[in-house]
Structure formats: structure tokens, C-alpha cells
Amino acid sequence: MSYPPFPNPFIDVVNIPYSLPQKAKVTLDLYRFLGRLVRTIVQDGNPGMNKFVIDNLSLGSEWKYELKTTNWKTSGTLLSVKR
């Protein structure tokens, strides 16, 4: 199960939280808003709450993300703002 990213919009760092009933590999794909894949991160998620911490994204951009395991998939939008 996924939860809303926070903060969103963000300046430097955004967290993408999720929870798992059991241990599983979780993949996060980050796309430019127009669909170009720019980053894939895979982590071993543990039962309970987990999160991806994302930084080093271009400021002033809109991003799409897809979060998935073998049992579920979700997606959403991230907005980075300039200072």
C-alpha cells in the first residue's frame, strides 16, 4: 500500500512512503513528465512502513513515479519547485 509523497511540492528532497505486509523487493521508476524514464531504484522493503527518499531532481519540474512489487503497483505525480 502506498501513501502520498511528502512534501509535495518539494524543494530538495521528497519521501515516497509505502507499507508492506511481508518482505518484498520494491521498484521505484521516476519519469520526466512527458514519459522519459530517468531513474530506477530497487530496495528490499520490510514488513510495515518503508519509504524511498529522493533527491537530486531538477527543480521547477513535474515528475511521474511508479511504485511496484510483484503484488501491486501505484503511480503519482511529484512537483519540484525552485527556491
C-alpha atoms as a PDB file:
ATOM      1  CA  MET A   1       0.000   0.000   0.000  1.00  0.00           C
ATOM      2  CA  SER A   2       1.313   3.448  -0.849  1.00  0.00           C
ATOM      3  CA  TYR A   3       0.785   6.818   0.802  1.00  0.00           C
ATOM      4  CA  PRO A   4       1.009  10.354  -0.621  1.00  0.00           C
ATOM      5  CA  PRO A   5       4.556  11.644  -1.158  1.00  0.00           C
ATOM      6  CA  PHE A   6       5.686  14.360   1.241  1.00  0.00           C
ATOM      7  CA  PRO A   7       6.356  17.174   0.983  1.00  0.00           C
ATOM      8  CA  ASN A   8       4.780  17.636  -2.400  1.00  0.00           C
ATOM      9  CA  PRO A   9       5.578  20.083  -3.899  1.00  0.00           C
ATOM     10  CA  PHE A  10       9.173  19.815  -2.698  1.00  0.00           C
ATOM     11  CA  ILE A  11      12.408  21.795  -2.968  1.00  0.00           C
ATOM     12  CA  ASP A  12      15.306  19.427  -2.235  1.00  0.00           C
ATOM     13  CA  VAL A  13      14.047  16.059  -1.004  1.00  0.00           C
ATOM     14  CA  VAL A  14      10.791  14.139  -1.325  1.00  0.00           C
ATOM     15  CA  ASN A  15       9.726  10.995   0.568  1.00  0.00           C
ATOM     16  CA  ILE A  16       7.580   8.319  -1.058  1.00  0.00           C
ATOM     17  CA  PRO A  17       6.187   6.130   1.752  1.00  0.00           C
ATOM     18  CA  TYR A  18       4.639   2.687   1.443  1.00  0.00           C
ATOM     19  CA  SER A  19       3.781  -0.254   3.694  1.00  0.00           C
ATOM     20  CA  LEU A  20       4.154  -3.972   3.122  1.00  0.00           C
ATOM     21  CA  PRO A  21       2.518  -6.981   4.780  1.00  0.00           C
ATOM     22  CA  GLN A  22       5.704  -9.009   4.204  1.00  0.00           C
ATOM     23  CA  LYS A  23       9.250  -8.532   2.951  1.00  0.00           C
ATOM     24  CA  ALA A  24       9.406  -7.783  -0.800  1.00  0.00           C
ATOM     25  CA  LYS A  25      11.525  -6.113  -3.469  1.00  0.00           C
ATOM     26  CA  VAL A  26      10.060  -2.716  -4.317  1.00  0.00           C
ATOM     27  CA  THR A  27      10.867  -0.822  -7.525  1.00  0.00           C
ATOM     28  CA  LEU A  28      10.508   2.922  -7.958  1.00  0.00           C
ATOM     29  CA  ASP A  29      10.660   4.315 -11.506  1.00  0.00           C
ATOM     30  CA  LEU A  30      10.930   8.097 -11.950  1.00  0.00           C
ATOM     31  CA  TYR A  31       9.870   9.668 -15.237  1.00  0.00           C
ATOM     32  CA  ARG A  32      10.056  13.159 -16.659  1.00  0.00           C
ATOM     33  CA  PHE A  33       6.512  14.417 -17.004  1.00  0.00           C
ATOM     34  CA  LEU A  34       6.493  13.636 -20.736  1.00  0.00           C
ATOM     35  CA  GLY A  35       7.356   9.989 -20.093  1.00  0.00           C
ATOM     36  CA  ARG A  36      11.154   9.571 -20.320  1.00  0.00           C
ATOM     37  CA  LEU A  37      12.465   7.204 -17.623  1.00  0.00           C
ATOM     38  CA  VAL A  38      15.271   8.957 -15.717  1.00  0.00           C
ATOM     39  CA  ARG A  39      15.868   6.781 -12.656  1.00  0.00           C
ATOM     40  CA  THR A  40      15.047   3.308 -11.317  1.00  0.00           C
ATOM     41  CA  ILE A  41      15.650   2.432  -7.671  1.00  0.00           C
ATOM     42  CA  VAL A  42      15.111  -1.021  -6.181  1.00  0.00           C
ATOM     43  CA  GLN A  43      15.085  -1.696  -2.448  1.00  0.00           C
ATOM     44  CA  ASP A  44      14.233  -4.561  -0.132  1.00  0.00           C
ATOM     45  CA  GLY A  45      11.143  -3.448   1.752  1.00  0.00           C
ATOM     46  CA  ASN A  46      10.445  -4.857   5.204  1.00  0.00           C
ATOM     47  CA  PRO A  47       7.029  -5.596   6.725  1.00  0.00           C
ATOM     48  CA  GLY A  48       5.439  -2.349   7.909  1.00  0.00           C
ATOM     49  CA  MET A  49       6.255   1.220   6.905  1.00  0.00           C
ATOM     50  CA  ASN A  50       9.089   1.977   4.467  1.00  0.00           C
ATOM     51  CA  LYS A  51       9.972   4.894   2.204  1.00  0.00           C
ATOM     52  CA  PHE A  52      12.065   5.988  -0.709  1.00  0.00           C
ATOM     53  CA  VAL A  53      13.953   9.242  -0.110  1.00  0.00           C
ATOM     54  CA  ILE A  54      14.574  11.023  -3.411  1.00  0.00           C
ATOM     55  CA  ASP A  55      16.876  13.979  -4.031  1.00  0.00           C
ATOM     56  CA  ASN A  56      18.880  15.446  -6.909  1.00  0.00           C
ATOM     57  CA  LEU A  57      15.870  16.035  -9.158  1.00  0.00           C
ATOM     58  CA  SER A  58      15.737  19.118 -11.380  1.00  0.00           C
ATOM     59  CA  LEU A  59      13.969  21.960  -9.639  1.00  0.00           C
ATOM     60  CA  GLY A  60      10.959  23.533 -11.268  1.00  0.00           C
ATOM     61  CA  SER A  61       9.918  20.263 -12.903  1.00  0.00           C
ATOM     62  CA  GLU A  62       6.993  17.883 -12.772  1.00  0.00           C
ATOM     63  CA  TRP A  63       7.741  14.172 -12.351  1.00  0.00           C
ATOM     64  CA  LYS A  64       5.748  10.964 -12.580  1.00  0.00           C
ATOM     65  CA  TYR A  65       6.584   7.952 -10.432  1.00  0.00           C
ATOM     66  CA  GLU A  66       5.586   4.300 -10.446  1.00  0.00           C
ATOM     67  CA  LEU A  67       5.985   2.190  -7.332  1.00  0.00           C
ATOM     68  CA  LYS A  68       5.578  -1.578  -7.670  1.00  0.00           C
ATOM     69  CA  THR A  69       6.114  -5.052  -6.253  1.00  0.00           C
ATOM     70  CA  THR A  70       5.027  -8.375  -7.706  1.00  0.00           C
ATOM     71  CA  ASN A  71       1.643  -7.939  -5.932  1.00  0.00           C
ATOM     72  CA  TRP A  72       0.719  -4.297  -6.543  1.00  0.00           C
ATOM     73  CA  LYS A  73       1.524  -1.147  -8.493  1.00  0.00           C
ATOM     74  CA  THR A  74       0.691   2.526  -7.998  1.00  0.00           C
ATOM     75  CA  SER A  75       1.718   5.796  -9.570  1.00  0.00           C
ATOM     76  CA  GLY A  76       1.577   9.506  -8.895  1.00  0.00           C
ATOM     77  CA  THR A  77       2.961  12.946  -9.624  1.00  0.00           C
ATOM     78  CA  LEU A  78       5.726  14.916  -7.916  1.00  0.00           C
ATOM     79  CA  LEU A  79       6.315  18.640  -8.280  1.00  0.00           C
ATOM     80  CA  SER A  80       9.706  20.197  -7.566  1.00  0.00           C
ATOM     81  CA  VAL A  81       9.814  23.953  -7.066  1.00  0.00           C
ATOM     82  CA  LYS A  82      12.619  26.477  -7.275  1.00  0.00           C
ATOM     83  CA  ARG A  83      13.661  28.396  -4.193  1.00  0.00           C
END
